[in-house]
Structure formats: C-alpha cells, structure tokens
Protein backbone atom coordinates (compact mmCIF):
# COMPACT_ATOMS: atom_id res chain seq x y z
CA TYR A 1 0.00 0.06 0.03
CA GLU A 2 2.89 2.36 0.69
CA LEU A 3 4.21 1.74 -2.89
CA ALA A 4 0.78 2.33 -4.24
CA LEU A 5 0.53 5.60 -2.23
CA GLU A 6 3.96 6.75 -3.65
CA ALA A 7 2.91 5.93 -7.21
CA ALA A 8 -0.35 7.86 -6.81
CA GLN A 9 1.53 10.91 -5.40
CA ALA A 10 3.92 10.91 -8.41
CA GLN A 11 0.97 10.48 -10.85
CA LEU A 12 -0.81 13.50 -9.30
CA THR A 13 2.44 15.52 -9.32
CA GLY A 14 2.84 14.76 -13.00
CA ALA A 15 -0.67 15.60 -13.88
CA GLU A 16 -0.70 18.83 -12.08
CA ALA A 17 2.57 19.81 -13.72
CA ASN A 18 1.19 19.09 -17.28
CA LEU A 19 -1.99 21.03 -16.48
CA ASN A 20 -0.07 23.96 -15.07
CA ARG A 21 2.14 23.98 -18.11
CA ALA A 22 -0.82 24.04 -20.32
CA LEU A 23 -2.42 26.96 -18.56
CA ALA A 24 0.84 28.90 -18.38
CA GLY A 25 1.73 28.56 -22.14
CA VAL A 26 5.04 27.64 -23.58
CA PRO A 27 8.22 29.41 -22.59
CA GLU A 28 9.73 31.61 -25.27
CA GLU A 29 13.03 29.80 -25.22
CA GLU A 30 11.16 26.58 -26.29
CA ILE A 31 9.54 28.31 -29.10
CA ARG A 32 12.94 29.77 -30.23
CA GLN A 33 14.37 26.25 -30.18
CA ALA A 34 11.41 25.05 -32.23
CA GLU A 35 11.95 27.65 -34.79
CA ILE A 36 15.60 26.65 -35.10
CA GLN A 37 14.62 23.12 -35.69
CA VAL A 38 12.24 24.24 -38.41
CA ARG A 39 15.09 26.20 -40.17
CA LYS A 40 17.41 23.21 -40.03
CA ALA A 41 14.68 20.77 -41.22
CA ALA A 42 13.90 23.11 -44.14
CA GLU A 43 17.50 23.36 -45.20
CA ALA A 44 17.89 19.54 -45.08
CA ASN A 45 14.74 19.09 -47.03
CA GLN A 46 15.75 21.52 -49.68
CA TYR A 47 19.11 19.77 -50.06
CA ALA A 48 17.36 16.31 -50.18
CA GLN A 49 14.95 17.48 -52.86
CA ARG A 50 17.78 18.83 -54.97
CA GLN A 51 19.69 15.68 -54.65
CA LEU A 52 16.62 13.76 -55.69
CA GLN A 53 16.12 15.87 -58.87
CA ARG A 54 19.89 15.34 -59.64
CA MET A 55 19.60 11.62 -59.15
CA GLU A 56 16.59 11.41 -61.49
CA SER A 57 18.61 12.87 -64.19
CA LEU A 58 21.36 10.42 -63.62
CA LEU A 59 18.86 7.64 -63.54
CA GLU A 60 17.48 8.60 -66.87
CA ALA A 61 20.97 8.88 -68.31
CA GLY A 62 21.81 5.52 -66.89
CA GLY A 63 24.41 6.91 -64.59
CA ILE A 64 23.02 5.19 -61.48
CA SER A 65 21.13 2.03 -60.62
CA GLN A 66 17.42 1.88 -59.77
CA ALA A 67 18.42 0.84 -56.21
CA GLU A 68 20.68 3.81 -55.74
CA PHE A 69 17.85 6.05 -56.88
CA GLU A 70 15.36 4.52 -54.51
CA ALA A 71 17.74 5.06 -51.53
CA VAL A 72 17.97 8.76 -52.43
CA ARG A 73 14.12 9.03 -52.83
CA LEU A 74 13.66 7.58 -49.32
CA GLU A 75 16.01 10.00 -47.88
CA ALA A 76 14.20 12.86 -49.60
CA ALA A 77 10.83 11.64 -48.19
CA THR A 78 12.22 11.35 -44.81
CA ALA A 79 13.53 14.94 -44.94
CA SER A 80 10.29 16.12 -46.20
CA LEU A 81 8.36 14.37 -43.38
CA SER A 82 10.80 15.75 -40.69
CA PHE A 83 10.24 19.30 -42.05
CA HIS A 84 6.59 19.10 -41.86
CA GLN A 85 6.67 17.62 -38.28
CA ALA A 86 8.86 20.31 -37.21
CA GLU A 87 6.46 22.94 -38.67
CA GLU A 88 3.58 21.27 -36.91
CA GLN A 89 5.35 21.21 -33.56
CA LEU A 90 6.17 24.95 -33.89
CA ALA A 91 2.52 25.64 -34.67
CA ARG A 92 1.34 23.77 -31.61
CA LEU A 93 3.68 25.57 -29.39
CA THR A 94 2.77 28.94 -30.88
CA ARG A 95 -0.97 28.65 -30.57
CA GLY A 96 -0.79 27.15 -27.01
CA ALA A 97 -3.02 24.52 -25.60
CA LEU A 98 -6.57 24.23 -26.88
CA GLN A 99 -9.48 24.33 -24.45
CA GLU A 100 -10.11 20.58 -25.21
CA GLU A 101 -6.47 19.73 -24.28
CA ILE A 102 -6.82 21.88 -21.04
CA ALA A 103 -10.07 20.05 -20.18
CA PHE A 104 -8.55 16.67 -20.67
CA LEU A 105 -5.54 17.55 -18.60
CA ALA A 106 -7.74 18.83 -15.85
CA SER A 107 -9.72 15.48 -15.77
CA VAL A 108 -6.35 13.51 -15.67
CA ARG A 109 -5.45 15.62 -12.65
CA ASP A 110 -8.86 15.06 -11.03
CA ALA A 111 -8.66 11.21 -11.63
CA ALA A 112 -5.16 11.28 -10.03
CA THR A 113 -6.54 13.10 -7.07
CA VAL A 114 -9.17 10.47 -6.56
CA GLN A 115 -6.58 7.71 -7.01
CA LEU A 116 -4.32 9.38 -4.39
CA ARG A 117 -7.26 9.69 -1.92
CA HIS A 118 -8.08 5.92 -2.50
CA ALA A 119 -4.37 5.00 -1.74
CA GLU A 120 -4.39 7.01 1.40
CA ILE A 121 -7.57 5.42 2.78
CA GLN A 122 -6.25 1.89 1.80
CA LEU A 123 -2.94 2.71 3.64
CA ASP A 124 -4.88 4.14 6.66
CA ARG A 125 -6.96 1.03 6.88
CA THR A 126 -3.71 -1.01 7.53
CA SER A 127 -2.59 1.31 10.37
CA LEU A 128 -3.42 1.49 14.12
CA ARG A 129 -3.02 4.70 15.97
CA SER A 130 -3.13 5.07 19.76
CA GLU A 131 -4.12 8.31 21.39
CA SER A 132 -1.32 7.90 23.96
CA GLU A 133 2.32 6.74 23.71
CA GLY A 134 3.26 3.41 25.09
CA ALA A 135 4.64 -0.04 24.39
CA VAL A 136 2.75 -3.02 23.08
CA THR A 137 2.71 -5.67 25.76
CA HIS A 138 0.51 -8.34 24.15
CA THR A 139 -1.34 -8.92 20.86
CA PHE A 140 -4.61 -10.89 20.78
CA TYR A 141 -4.52 -11.75 17.17
CA GLU A 142 -2.04 -13.53 14.80
CA GLU A 143 -1.27 -12.35 11.22
CA GLY A 144 -4.08 -13.55 8.93
CA GLU A 145 -6.67 -13.95 11.57
CA LEU A 146 -10.08 -12.44 10.97
CA TYR A 147 -10.68 -9.57 13.57
CA ARG A 148 -13.96 -9.80 15.49
CA GLU A 149 -15.42 -6.32 16.11
CA GLY A 150 -15.63 -5.17 19.78
CA THR A 151 -12.80 -7.38 20.90
CA PRO A 152 -9.30 -6.15 22.06
CA LEU A 153 -6.59 -6.16 19.44
CA LEU A 154 -3.57 -5.46 21.54
CA ALA A 155 -2.57 -4.37 24.96
CA LEU A 156 -0.66 -1.12 25.43
CA LYS A 157 1.35 -0.02 28.47
CA SER A 158 1.59 3.64 28.81
CA ASP A 159 1.67 6.53 31.31
CA ALA A 160 -1.88 7.45 30.41
CA SER A 161 -4.72 6.14 32.62
CA MET A 162 -8.29 5.56 31.50
CA VAL A 163 -11.47 4.81 33.44
CA ARG A 164 -14.57 3.12 32.03
CA ILE A 165 -17.99 4.00 33.13
CA SER A 166 -21.47 2.98 32.02
CA VAL A 167 -24.25 5.56 31.47
CA ASN A 168 -27.90 5.36 30.48
CA ARG A 169 -29.43 6.85 27.37
CA GLU A 170 -30.45 10.24 28.92
CA GLU A 171 -26.85 10.69 30.32
CA LEU A 172 -25.42 9.67 27.06
CA ASN A 173 -27.17 12.48 25.16
CA SER A 174 -25.59 15.11 27.59
CA LEU A 175 -21.92 13.77 26.78
CA ALA A 176 -19.65 14.60 23.96
CA THR A 177 -16.13 13.63 23.21
CA GLY A 178 -13.66 16.05 24.81
CA ASP A 179 -15.95 17.15 27.60
CA SER A 180 -14.47 17.60 31.17
CA VAL A 181 -16.21 15.48 33.67
CA GLN A 182 -15.72 15.06 37.50
CA ILE A 183 -15.26 11.41 38.78
CA ARG A 184 -14.58 10.13 42.09
CA LEU A 185 -11.69 7.61 42.63
CA GLU A 186 -11.17 6.07 46.06
CA GLY A 187 -12.92 9.08 47.69
CA SER A 188 -10.89 11.69 45.64
CA ASP A 189 -12.36 14.06 43.04
CA VAL A 190 -10.52 13.82 39.68
CA THR A 191 -11.18 15.86 36.52
CA GLY A 192 -11.04 13.77 33.44
CA MET A 193 -11.95 14.17 29.75
CA VAL A 194 -14.31 12.04 27.68
CA ALA A 195 -12.12 10.07 25.26
CA LEU A 196 -14.64 7.61 23.80
CA ILE A 197 -18.45 7.24 23.85
CA SER A 198 -19.89 3.97 22.57
CA ARG A 199 -23.31 4.17 20.78
CA THR A 200 -23.91 0.49 21.17
CA PRO A 201 -25.40 -0.50 24.54
CA ASP A 202 -24.44 -3.47 26.60
CA VAL A 203 -26.73 -6.39 25.69
CA LEU A 204 -27.50 -7.23 29.49
CA THR A 205 -27.49 -3.78 31.16
CA GLN A 206 -28.68 -1.53 28.19
CA THR A 207 -26.16 1.13 29.42
CA TYR A 208 -23.54 2.67 27.09
CA PRO A 209 -19.75 2.34 27.88
CA VAL A 210 -17.80 5.63 28.12
CA GLU A 211 -14.00 5.91 28.46
CA ILE A 212 -12.52 8.88 30.47
CA SER A 213 -8.96 9.65 30.19
CA LEU A 214 -7.27 10.75 33.47
CA PRO A 215 -4.50 13.33 34.11
CA LYS A 216 -1.03 11.96 34.85
CA GLY A 217 -0.88 10.53 38.25
CA SER A 218 -0.48 7.39 40.34
CA TYR A 219 -3.46 5.21 39.83
CA THR A 220 -4.01 1.54 40.65
CA ALA A 221 -5.74 -0.76 38.15
CA GLY A 222 -9.29 -1.62 39.38
CA GLU A 223 -9.85 1.52 41.42
CA THR A 224 -13.43 2.50 41.58
C-alpha cells in the first residue's frame, strides 16, 4: 500500500505539472528552439529534394542504378516528413493549448487526485494509531486472523490512565467527546476528559460504555 501511495502521489504531481504547463503557455525559449529546428529541417529538406532531382537525371541517363535512386528518394521523403513535423510542432507551441486539451489534462489531474485519496484510505486502513504513547505488551490476534469487532486487538502499556463507566441513554445524550467531567476515585475527585463514547448499549444492562482519560498521576488498576 505504501508503494501504491507513492505511485499515486507521483502520478498526481505529473498531472498537475502538465496542467499548469498548459495553462501557463510555452516558454519563449522553447519556441525559439522549435523555430531553429524548423530552419534546420527546411534546409535539410531542400538539399534532399535537390539531390533527388539530380539523381532522377542520372537515372534517366543510366548513370546510377534503380536501387541507388530508391535510396535517395527514401532520404528525400524522410527529410520532407521531418520538415513538416517540425512545422507542426512549432505551430502547436505557438498557438498554445486548446480548451479541449486543457479540459483533458484537468480530468487527468482530477482522476489522479481520486486515486491518491483511495491509496491514502487503503494505507490508513492498515494502520493502528493510539491516542497515547506506550509499548505493546500483548497482541490478541495472529497475522492472517479475522478480527472480531468489539474485541481487544492488543494491550498497550503507557503513562496514560483510563477509566470506563456506564451511562444510561439520558446521560449519554448530555456527553460529547472532549468534555471535562468530574469522577470520584477512592474518595478523591478527579477531573477527566471524555475520550470515547460507545453508541452500542451493553446487551445485558442496556447502558453505554464511556471511556474517560485521566490526568497523569498514580493510579491503581481496578480503582473505583
């Protein structure tokens, strides 16, 4: 997935560059180089056509073979084609990109953007991110196993502490992630922050689990 993301990023960069180039127009230096190529191609074509005419006269006089004449005629045809191609290239550079070409390049850019977003989503689905730093102490699944929703995937040891409570529907509607709440632990009031609210009730109690992150401190697992 990382390679796919890199490829999508490169594709988008290239598509954006092509579109920006079309919108900005061709640099004057590139047009000058194209004009030079046209002049060179024109001179080469004129020389090739003169050679062809001379060889035609020699062929009629029996001075050269048919094979020699055909070789010169091929060179003349190639020179003529190169000259016309150079002229067409100069014309394209001079007129700039057509609206159809710009629209096509924009569609390529948009498609590359979608492809990049898809690659980012695919990579994100292969990653796990914890809200707190720590070290993995245990994994509950092996590679290739099918994950069962709602079950723990791994155990993380960190300095952050969390307490889980259960609330009824009325209390649930008054809570939001990020809210500050007061809880009592072993007779002491502690200010925590709502980190996670489950919208799925417990099957037996019909209450909703809520996780509250605690400020740094010394807590004992299992405190109530």
